[in-house]
Each structure stands twice: as C-alpha cells, then as structure tokens.
C-alpha cells in the first residue's frame, strides 16, 4: 500500500513526560520535525535529514518543559503539516 505523507498521530495527547509522534514519508527527501511553543519559539528539533519512505515513530520528551500547548511541524519539499500536542504535568 502506498505511504500517505503527514503527521498521523501523536499519542498520548495530552501527555505527561513522553509522547510518540507517528509520521509517514512518501518520498526519500530532506525533512524536518520540529516542536514549537504556542508563541512560535523553537523548542526542539526531533528529526532533520533524509527521511526513508515509510511510516516512522519518534519519541519526544517534554519533561524539562512547562505544561502547555506545543506545535509539532513536519516539513518536506515545501509541504508542511502541523499538529497540536498538550503537555500536562
């Protein structure tokens, strides 16, 4: 079956210390997955490089950050997908 590009799930959401971000890459191209706070400041880069075609899971630890809403941004070849995730301590 063909791979569908995008952010497929963030689980659990809301989360306490660690969440899993599931993404799909339909092309092997340079891609980034970045987390921003609600004010648009970059918090962390989760992945940057040539993504292999397929579905992948990335863990993100937010235990050093304050509770709040964060934005996960996936970018590949001028395609951008974003999703909200809530960190609750």
C-alpha atoms as a PDB file:
ATOM      1  CA  UNK A   1       0.000   0.000   0.000  1.00  0.00           C
ATOM      2  CA  UNK A   2       1.286   3.500  -0.748  1.00  0.00           C
ATOM      3  CA  UNK A   3       2.526   5.577   2.174  1.00  0.00           C
ATOM      4  CA  UNK A   4       0.484   8.676   2.995  1.00  0.00           C
ATOM      5  CA  UNK A   5       2.601  11.740   3.820  1.00  0.00           C
ATOM      6  CA  UNK A   6       1.918  13.565   7.048  1.00  0.00           C
ATOM      7  CA  UNK A   7       1.637  13.564  10.810  1.00  0.00           C
ATOM      8  CA  UNK A   8      -0.528  10.549  11.518  1.00  0.00           C
ATOM      9  CA  UNK A   9      -0.802  10.566  15.286  1.00  0.00           C
ATOM     10  CA  UNK A  10       0.638  11.931  18.481  1.00  0.00           C
ATOM     11  CA  UNK A  11      -0.033   9.525  21.314  1.00  0.00           C
ATOM     12  CA  UNK A  12      -0.707  10.030  24.112  1.00  0.00           C
ATOM     13  CA  UNK A  13      -2.086  13.521  23.724  1.00  0.00           C
ATOM     14  CA  UNK A  14      -2.218  15.141  26.219  1.00  0.00           C
ATOM     15  CA  UNK A  15       0.950  13.614  27.662  1.00  0.00           C
ATOM     16  CA  UNK A  16       2.931  13.874  30.880  1.00  0.00           C
ATOM     17  CA  UNK A  17       6.600  13.344  30.011  1.00  0.00           C
ATOM     18  CA  UNK A  18       6.951  11.406  26.729  1.00  0.00           C
ATOM     19  CA  UNK A  19       4.799  11.149  23.619  1.00  0.00           C
ATOM     20  CA  UNK A  20       5.184   9.291  20.319  1.00  0.00           C
ATOM     21  CA  UNK A  21       4.866  11.156  17.017  1.00  0.00           C
ATOM     22  CA  UNK A  22       3.938   8.926  14.057  1.00  0.00           C
ATOM     23  CA  UNK A  23       4.707  10.258  10.576  1.00  0.00           C
ATOM     24  CA  UNK A  24       4.634   8.978   7.014  1.00  0.00           C
ATOM     25  CA  UNK A  25       7.105   9.869   4.270  1.00  0.00           C
ATOM     26  CA  UNK A  26       6.056   9.154   0.673  1.00  0.00           C
ATOM     27  CA  UNK A  27       9.417  10.282  -0.764  1.00  0.00           C
ATOM     28  CA  UNK A  28      13.013   9.954   0.367  1.00  0.00           C
ATOM     29  CA  UNK A  29      13.810  13.671   0.728  1.00  0.00           C
ATOM     30  CA  UNK A  30      15.240  16.085   3.288  1.00  0.00           C
ATOM     31  CA  UNK A  31      12.676  16.507   6.050  1.00  0.00           C
ATOM     32  CA  UNK A  32      12.408  18.117   9.464  1.00  0.00           C
ATOM     33  CA  UNK A  33      10.232  17.554  12.503  1.00  0.00           C
ATOM     34  CA  UNK A  34      10.350  20.487  14.893  1.00  0.00           C
ATOM     35  CA  UNK A  35       8.477  21.388  18.080  1.00  0.00           C
ATOM     36  CA  UNK A  36       7.462  24.996  18.812  1.00  0.00           C
ATOM     37  CA  UNK A  37       5.815  26.541  21.836  1.00  0.00           C
ATOM     38  CA  UNK A  38       2.495  28.337  21.472  1.00  0.00           C
ATOM     39  CA  UNK A  39       4.354  31.636  20.908  1.00  0.00           C
ATOM     40  CA  UNK A  40       6.203  30.236  17.888  1.00  0.00           C
ATOM     41  CA  UNK A  41       9.591  29.777  19.570  1.00  0.00           C
ATOM     42  CA  UNK A  42      11.520  26.672  18.543  1.00  0.00           C
ATOM     43  CA  UNK A  43      11.713  24.230  21.449  1.00  0.00           C
ATOM     44  CA  UNK A  44      13.402  21.204  19.894  1.00  0.00           C
ATOM     45  CA  UNK A  45      14.335  19.587  16.612  1.00  0.00           C
ATOM     46  CA  UNK A  46      13.188  15.962  16.681  1.00  0.00           C
ATOM     47  CA  UNK A  47      14.412  14.923  13.229  1.00  0.00           C
ATOM     48  CA  UNK A  48      16.385  16.537  10.431  1.00  0.00           C
ATOM     49  CA  UNK A  49      17.785  14.635   7.481  1.00  0.00           C
ATOM     50  CA  UNK A  50      16.883  12.401   4.580  1.00  0.00           C
ATOM     51  CA  UNK A  51      13.737  10.535   5.534  1.00  0.00           C
ATOM     52  CA  UNK A  52      13.282   6.985   4.327  1.00  0.00           C
ATOM     53  CA  UNK A  53       9.980   6.171   2.627  1.00  0.00           C
ATOM     54  CA  UNK A  54       7.545   4.598   5.065  1.00  0.00           C
ATOM     55  CA  UNK A  55       5.966   5.122   8.439  1.00  0.00           C
ATOM     56  CA  UNK A  56       8.166   6.105  11.382  1.00  0.00           C
ATOM     57  CA  UNK A  57       7.727   6.803  15.102  1.00  0.00           C
ATOM     58  CA  UNK A  58       9.680   9.441  17.018  1.00  0.00           C
ATOM     59  CA  UNK A  59       9.632   9.892  20.789  1.00  0.00           C
ATOM     60  CA  UNK A  60       9.599  13.354  22.269  1.00  0.00           C
ATOM     61  CA  UNK A  61      10.391  14.022  25.913  1.00  0.00           C
ATOM     62  CA  UNK A  62       8.886  17.178  27.354  1.00  0.00           C
ATOM     63  CA  UNK A  63       9.742  16.601  30.993  1.00  0.00           C
ATOM     64  CA  UNK A  64      12.067  19.650  31.105  1.00  0.00           C
ATOM     65  CA  UNK A  65       9.380  21.981  29.707  1.00  0.00           C
ATOM     66  CA  UNK A  66       6.440  23.732  31.371  1.00  0.00           C
ATOM     67  CA  UNK A  67       2.894  22.495  30.876  1.00  0.00           C
ATOM     68  CA  UNK A  68       1.177  23.959  27.830  1.00  0.00           C
ATOM     69  CA  UNK A  69       0.265  23.594  24.180  1.00  0.00           C
ATOM     70  CA  UNK A  70       3.050  22.838  21.699  1.00  0.00           C
ATOM     71  CA  UNK A  71       3.034  22.630  17.910  1.00  0.00           C
ATOM     72  CA  UNK A  72       4.702  19.799  16.012  1.00  0.00           C
ATOM     73  CA  UNK A  73       5.737  20.812  12.495  1.00  0.00           C
ATOM     74  CA  UNK A  74       6.629  18.328   9.742  1.00  0.00           C
ATOM     75  CA  UNK A  75       8.251  19.837   6.631  1.00  0.00           C
ATOM     76  CA  UNK A  76       9.412  18.138   3.419  1.00  0.00           C
ATOM     77  CA  UNK A  77       9.834  19.681  -0.040  1.00  0.00           C
ATOM     78  CA  UNK A  78       7.672  22.756   0.626  1.00  0.00           C
ATOM     79  CA  UNK A  79       4.957  20.617   2.228  1.00  0.00           C
ATOM     80  CA  UNK A  80       4.119  21.472   5.821  1.00  0.00           C
ATOM     81  CA  UNK A  81       1.869  19.690   8.285  1.00  0.00           C
ATOM     82  CA  UNK A  82       1.262  20.829  11.858  1.00  0.00           C
ATOM     83  CA  UNK A  83      -0.435  19.320  14.884  1.00  0.00           C
ATOM     84  CA  UNK A  84      -1.062  20.441  18.461  1.00  0.00           C
ATOM     85  CA  UNK A  85       0.098  18.487  21.469  1.00  0.00           C
ATOM     86  CA  UNK A  86      -0.612  19.257  25.126  1.00  0.00           C
ATOM     87  CA  UNK A  87       1.973  18.721  27.863  1.00  0.00           C
ATOM     88  CA  UNK A  88       0.308  18.361  31.271  1.00  0.00           C
ATOM     89  CA  UNK A  89       2.309  17.892  34.448  1.00  0.00           C
END
